[in-house]
Amino acid sequence: MDTKEQNLRTKRDAKAIPHLEQYAPVWILDEKYIKDDEALQFNVVFQHPQYGWVNRRYRYDGFNDVLYHKGQLTISEEVAIAIQEKEPYITATVANIPNAYGG
């Protein structure tokens, strides 16, 4: 991973973590570095207060420093359990799902 890509991840985390920590714990499923656009596209999984377990896609535009929500799909409890075996992107001592604002 080059320095430019690492800097982009650091900037992405500065935008994404404050938004996503309301849903903690949150897992990153995958991410794609788009060098020509100075962007990162990534999918996260978490338990949403209204929709249950979701796989949500985001795109972080490093040039404009903007985090875009690109849609979400609900996933089954079985898929969510398998994902939880990995280390979370954002951890939580206790899930605070009822108090998440639902955005």
N, C-alpha and C. Protein backbone atom coordinates (compact mmCIF):
# COMPACT_ATOMS: atom_id res chain seq x y z
N MET A 1 0.86 -1.18 0.00
CA MET A 1 0.00 0.00 0.00
C MET A 1 0.90 1.24 0.00
N ASP A 2 0.65 2.13 -0.95
CA ASP A 2 1.47 3.33 -1.03
C ASP A 2 0.98 4.39 -0.04
N THR A 3 1.79 5.42 0.11
CA THR A 3 1.49 6.49 1.07
C THR A 3 0.21 7.23 0.71
N LYS A 4 -0.01 7.45 -0.58
CA LYS A 4 -1.22 8.17 -1.01
C LYS A 4 -2.48 7.39 -0.64
N GLU A 5 -2.44 6.07 -0.84
CA GLU A 5 -3.57 5.22 -0.48
C GLU A 5 -3.79 5.21 1.03
N GLN A 6 -2.71 5.15 1.80
CA GLN A 6 -2.82 5.16 3.26
C GLN A 6 -3.39 6.49 3.75
N ASN A 7 -2.95 7.60 3.17
CA ASN A 7 -3.48 8.92 3.53
C ASN A 7 -4.97 9.01 3.23
N LEU A 8 -5.38 8.42 2.10
CA LEU A 8 -6.79 8.41 1.73
C LEU A 8 -7.61 7.62 2.76
N ARG A 9 -7.09 6.50 3.22
CA ARG A 9 -7.78 5.70 4.25
C ARG A 9 -7.91 6.48 5.56
N THR A 10 -6.87 7.22 5.90
CA THR A 10 -6.90 8.03 7.13
C THR A 10 -7.97 9.11 7.02
N LYS A 11 -8.04 9.78 5.86
CA LYS A 11 -9.07 10.81 5.65
C LYS A 11 -10.46 10.19 5.63
N ARG A 12 -10.60 9.00 5.02
CA ARG A 12 -11.88 8.30 5.00
C ARG A 12 -12.33 7.98 6.42
N ASP A 13 -11.41 7.47 7.22
CA ASP A 13 -11.74 7.11 8.60
C ASP A 13 -12.20 8.33 9.40
N ALA A 14 -11.60 9.49 9.14
CA ALA A 14 -12.00 10.72 9.84
C ALA A 14 -13.45 11.09 9.53
N LYS A 15 -13.93 10.75 8.34
CA LYS A 15 -15.33 11.02 7.96
C LYS A 15 -16.25 9.87 8.35
N ALA A 16 -15.82 8.64 8.10
CA ALA A 16 -16.69 7.48 8.25
C ALA A 16 -16.91 7.08 9.71
N ILE A 17 -15.88 7.10 10.51
CA ILE A 17 -16.02 6.62 11.89
C ILE A 17 -17.03 7.44 12.69
N PRO A 18 -16.97 8.79 12.69
CA PRO A 18 -17.99 9.54 13.44
C PRO A 18 -19.42 9.23 12.99
N HIS A 19 -19.61 8.97 11.70
CA HIS A 19 -20.95 8.64 11.20
C HIS A 19 -21.35 7.22 11.59
N LEU A 20 -20.45 6.27 11.45
CA LEU A 20 -20.79 4.87 11.65
C LEU A 20 -20.73 4.39 13.10
N GLU A 21 -20.06 5.13 13.98
CA GLU A 21 -19.90 4.63 15.35
C GLU A 21 -21.23 4.49 16.09
N GLN A 22 -22.27 5.18 15.65
CA GLN A 22 -23.60 5.01 16.26
C GLN A 22 -24.12 3.59 16.07
N TYR A 23 -23.61 2.89 15.04
CA TYR A 23 -24.06 1.53 14.74
C TYR A 23 -23.11 0.46 15.28
N ALA A 24 -22.05 0.86 15.95
CA ALA A 24 -21.00 -0.07 16.39
C ALA A 24 -21.60 -1.25 17.15
N PRO A 25 -21.06 -2.42 16.92
CA PRO A 25 -19.88 -2.73 16.09
C PRO A 25 -20.20 -2.74 14.60
N VAL A 26 -19.18 -2.35 13.82
CA VAL A 26 -19.29 -2.26 12.36
C VAL A 26 -18.11 -3.01 11.74
N TRP A 27 -18.39 -3.79 10.70
CA TRP A 27 -17.35 -4.54 10.01
C TRP A 27 -17.22 -4.04 8.58
N ILE A 28 -15.98 -3.90 8.09
CA ILE A 28 -15.74 -3.61 6.67
C ILE A 28 -15.66 -4.95 5.96
N LEU A 29 -16.49 -5.13 4.94
CA LEU A 29 -16.46 -6.36 4.15
C LEU A 29 -15.37 -6.30 3.10
N ASP A 30 -15.33 -5.21 2.37
CA ASP A 30 -14.35 -5.05 1.31
C ASP A 30 -14.17 -3.57 1.02
N GLU A 31 -13.07 -3.27 0.37
CA GLU A 31 -12.84 -1.90 -0.08
C GLU A 31 -12.03 -1.93 -1.35
N LYS A 32 -12.26 -0.91 -2.17
CA LYS A 32 -11.58 -0.80 -3.45
C LYS A 32 -10.98 0.59 -3.55
N TYR A 33 -9.70 0.64 -3.79
CA TYR A 33 -8.99 1.90 -3.98
C TYR A 33 -9.10 2.29 -5.45
N ILE A 34 -9.64 3.46 -5.73
CA ILE A 34 -9.80 3.94 -7.10
C ILE A 34 -8.82 5.10 -7.30
N LYS A 35 -7.63 4.73 -7.74
CA LYS A 35 -6.51 5.67 -7.83
C LYS A 35 -6.82 6.88 -8.69
N ASP A 36 -7.39 6.67 -9.88
CA ASP A 36 -7.65 7.78 -10.82
C ASP A 36 -8.64 8.80 -10.26
N ASP A 37 -9.54 8.36 -9.39
CA ASP A 37 -10.54 9.27 -8.81
C ASP A 37 -10.18 9.74 -7.41
N GLU A 38 -9.05 9.27 -6.89
CA GLU A 38 -8.66 9.54 -5.51
C GLU A 38 -9.85 9.22 -4.57
N ALA A 39 -10.30 7.95 -4.67
CA ALA A 39 -11.50 7.54 -3.93
C ALA A 39 -11.34 6.13 -3.37
N LEU A 40 -12.13 5.83 -2.36
CA LEU A 40 -12.25 4.50 -1.80
C LEU A 40 -13.72 4.13 -1.79
N GLN A 41 -14.03 2.96 -2.32
CA GLN A 41 -15.39 2.43 -2.23
C GLN A 41 -15.33 1.25 -1.28
N PHE A 42 -16.27 1.19 -0.34
CA PHE A 42 -16.22 0.11 0.65
C PHE A 42 -17.61 -0.26 1.13
N ASN A 43 -17.74 -1.50 1.58
CA ASN A 43 -18.99 -2.00 2.13
C ASN A 43 -18.79 -2.29 3.61
N VAL A 44 -19.79 -1.92 4.41
CA VAL A 44 -19.77 -2.21 5.84
C VAL A 44 -21.02 -2.99 6.21
N VAL A 45 -20.92 -3.75 7.29
CA VAL A 45 -22.06 -4.50 7.81
C VAL A 45 -22.27 -4.09 9.25
N PHE A 46 -23.53 -3.87 9.62
CA PHE A 46 -23.89 -3.54 11.00
C PHE A 46 -25.38 -3.79 11.20
N GLN A 47 -25.80 -3.71 12.44
CA GLN A 47 -27.22 -3.90 12.75
C GLN A 47 -27.89 -2.53 12.81
N HIS A 48 -28.79 -2.28 11.88
CA HIS A 48 -29.50 -1.00 11.78
C HIS A 48 -30.73 -1.05 12.68
N PRO A 49 -31.07 0.05 13.37
CA PRO A 49 -32.22 0.04 14.29
C PRO A 49 -33.57 -0.22 13.63
N GLN A 50 -33.72 0.13 12.35
CA GLN A 50 -34.99 -0.06 11.65
C GLN A 50 -35.00 -1.25 10.70
N TYR A 51 -33.85 -1.56 10.10
CA TYR A 51 -33.82 -2.55 9.03
C TYR A 51 -33.16 -3.87 9.41
N GLY A 52 -32.63 -3.98 10.60
CA GLY A 52 -31.92 -5.20 11.00
C GLY A 52 -30.50 -5.17 10.44
N TRP A 53 -29.96 -6.34 10.13
CA TRP A 53 -28.59 -6.43 9.61
C TRP A 53 -28.54 -5.94 8.17
N VAL A 54 -27.62 -5.01 7.89
CA VAL A 54 -27.49 -4.44 6.55
C VAL A 54 -26.04 -4.47 6.07
N ASN A 55 -25.92 -4.53 4.76
CA ASN A 55 -24.65 -4.38 4.05
C ASN A 55 -24.79 -3.04 3.33
N ARG A 56 -24.04 -2.05 3.77
CA ARG A 56 -24.18 -0.70 3.22
C ARG A 56 -22.90 -0.32 2.46
N ARG A 57 -23.08 0.27 1.29
CA ARG A 57 -21.95 0.71 0.47
C ARG A 57 -21.74 2.21 0.62
N TYR A 58 -20.46 2.58 0.72
CA TYR A 58 -20.05 3.99 0.77
C TYR A 58 -18.95 4.23 -0.25
N ARG A 59 -18.84 5.47 -0.64
CA ARG A 59 -17.71 5.91 -1.47
C ARG A 59 -17.16 7.16 -0.83
N TYR A 60 -15.87 7.13 -0.54
CA TYR A 60 -15.21 8.31 0.01
C TYR A 60 -14.44 8.99 -1.12
N ASP A 61 -14.77 10.24 -1.39
CA ASP A 61 -14.12 11.06 -2.41
C ASP A 61 -13.06 11.90 -1.69
N GLY A 62 -11.80 11.51 -1.86
CA GLY A 62 -10.71 12.20 -1.18
C GLY A 62 -10.46 13.59 -1.69
N PHE A 63 -10.68 13.83 -2.97
CA PHE A 63 -10.44 15.15 -3.55
C PHE A 63 -11.37 16.18 -2.91
N ASN A 64 -12.66 15.82 -2.77
CA ASN A 64 -13.65 16.74 -2.20
C ASN A 64 -13.89 16.51 -0.71
N ASP A 65 -13.27 15.47 -0.14
CA ASP A 65 -13.43 15.11 1.28
C ASP A 65 -14.90 14.90 1.64
N VAL A 66 -15.57 14.04 0.83
CA VAL A 66 -16.99 13.78 1.03
C VAL A 66 -17.22 12.27 1.09
N LEU A 67 -18.07 11.85 2.03
CA LEU A 67 -18.46 10.45 2.16
C LEU A 67 -19.87 10.31 1.59
N TYR A 68 -20.01 9.45 0.56
CA TYR A 68 -21.29 9.24 -0.09
C TYR A 68 -21.88 7.90 0.30
N HIS A 69 -23.15 7.89 0.66
CA HIS A 69 -23.89 6.65 0.90
C HIS A 69 -24.40 6.18 -0.45
N LYS A 70 -24.07 4.93 -0.83
CA LYS A 70 -24.39 4.43 -2.16
C LYS A 70 -25.45 3.33 -2.15
N GLY A 71 -26.15 3.14 -1.03
CA GLY A 71 -27.21 2.14 -0.97
C GLY A 71 -26.91 1.04 0.03
N GLN A 72 -27.94 0.25 0.30
CA GLN A 72 -27.77 -0.85 1.26
C GLN A 72 -28.71 -2.00 0.93
N LEU A 73 -28.31 -3.17 1.39
CA LEU A 73 -29.11 -4.39 1.26
C LEU A 73 -29.23 -5.01 2.64
N THR A 74 -30.36 -5.61 2.94
CA THR A 74 -30.46 -6.35 4.19
C THR A 74 -29.80 -7.71 4.00
N ILE A 75 -29.25 -8.23 5.08
CA ILE A 75 -28.62 -9.55 5.03
C ILE A 75 -29.22 -10.42 6.12
N SER A 76 -29.08 -11.71 5.96
CA SER A 76 -29.66 -12.65 6.92
C SER A 76 -28.82 -12.70 8.20
N GLU A 77 -29.45 -13.17 9.25
CA GLU A 77 -28.78 -13.34 10.54
C GLU A 77 -27.60 -14.30 10.40
N GLU A 78 -27.75 -15.34 9.57
CA GLU A 78 -26.68 -16.32 9.37
C GLU A 78 -25.44 -15.67 8.74
N VAL A 79 -25.66 -14.83 7.74
CA VAL A 79 -24.55 -14.13 7.09
C VAL A 79 -23.89 -13.18 8.10
N ALA A 80 -24.70 -12.48 8.88
CA ALA A 80 -24.18 -11.55 9.88
C ALA A 80 -23.33 -12.27 10.92
N ILE A 81 -23.76 -13.44 11.34
CA ILE A 81 -23.01 -14.20 12.34
C ILE A 81 -21.63 -14.59 11.79
N ALA A 82 -21.59 -15.01 10.53
CA ALA A 82 -20.31 -15.38 9.91
C ALA A 82 -19.37 -14.17 9.83
N ILE A 83 -19.89 -13.00 9.52
CA ILE A 83 -19.08 -11.79 9.41
C ILE A 83 -18.53 -11.39 10.78
N GLN A 84 -19.28 -11.64 11.83
CA GLN A 84 -18.87 -11.25 13.17
C GLN A 84 -17.66 -12.02 13.69
N GLU A 85 -17.25 -13.05 12.96
CA GLU A 85 -16.05 -13.79 13.35
C GLU A 85 -14.78 -12.99 13.05
N LYS A 86 -14.89 -11.98 12.18
CA LYS A 86 -13.76 -11.11 11.84
C LYS A 86 -13.64 -9.98 12.86
N GLU A 87 -12.50 -9.34 12.85
CA GLU A 87 -12.26 -8.17 13.71
C GLU A 87 -13.07 -6.99 13.18
N PRO A 88 -13.84 -6.29 14.03
CA PRO A 88 -14.64 -5.15 13.54
C PRO A 88 -13.79 -3.93 13.19
N TYR A 89 -14.29 -3.15 12.27
CA TYR A 89 -13.70 -1.86 11.89
C TYR A 89 -13.90 -0.86 13.03
N ILE A 90 -15.10 -0.86 13.61
CA ILE A 90 -15.42 -0.01 14.75
C ILE A 90 -15.98 -0.92 15.83
N THR A 91 -15.38 -0.88 17.00
CA THR A 91 -15.82 -1.75 18.09
C THR A 91 -16.75 -0.99 19.03
N ALA A 92 -17.45 -1.75 19.85
CA ALA A 92 -18.32 -1.18 20.88
C ALA A 92 -18.35 -2.14 22.05
N THR A 93 -18.32 -1.59 23.25
CA THR A 93 -18.44 -2.45 24.42
C THR A 93 -19.84 -3.02 24.50
N VAL A 94 -20.81 -2.14 24.25
CA VAL A 94 -22.22 -2.54 24.23
C VAL A 94 -22.85 -1.90 23.00
N ALA A 95 -23.58 -2.68 22.24
CA ALA A 95 -24.26 -2.11 21.06
C ALA A 95 -25.34 -1.14 21.52
N ASN A 96 -25.42 0.01 20.87
CA ASN A 96 -26.37 1.06 21.24
C ASN A 96 -27.38 1.26 20.12
N ILE A 97 -27.86 0.18 19.55
CA ILE A 97 -28.75 0.22 18.39
C ILE A 97 -30.00 1.07 18.64
N PRO A 98 -30.68 0.95 19.79
CA PRO A 98 -31.91 1.75 19.99
C PRO A 98 -31.69 3.26 19.93
N ASN A 99 -30.48 3.74 20.27
CA ASN A 99 -30.22 5.18 20.29
C ASN A 99 -29.59 5.70 19.02
N ALA A 100 -29.35 4.85 18.03
CA ALA A 100 -28.80 5.32 16.76
C ALA A 100 -29.87 6.17 16.06
N TYR A 101 -29.44 7.23 15.41
CA TYR A 101 -30.44 8.13 14.80
C TYR A 101 -31.06 7.57 13.54
N GLY A 102 -30.50 6.48 13.01
CA GLY A 102 -31.15 5.80 11.89
C GLY A 102 -30.79 6.33 10.52
N GLY A 103 -29.75 7.15 10.40
CA GLY A 103 -29.36 7.72 9.11
C GLY A 103 -28.58 6.77 8.26
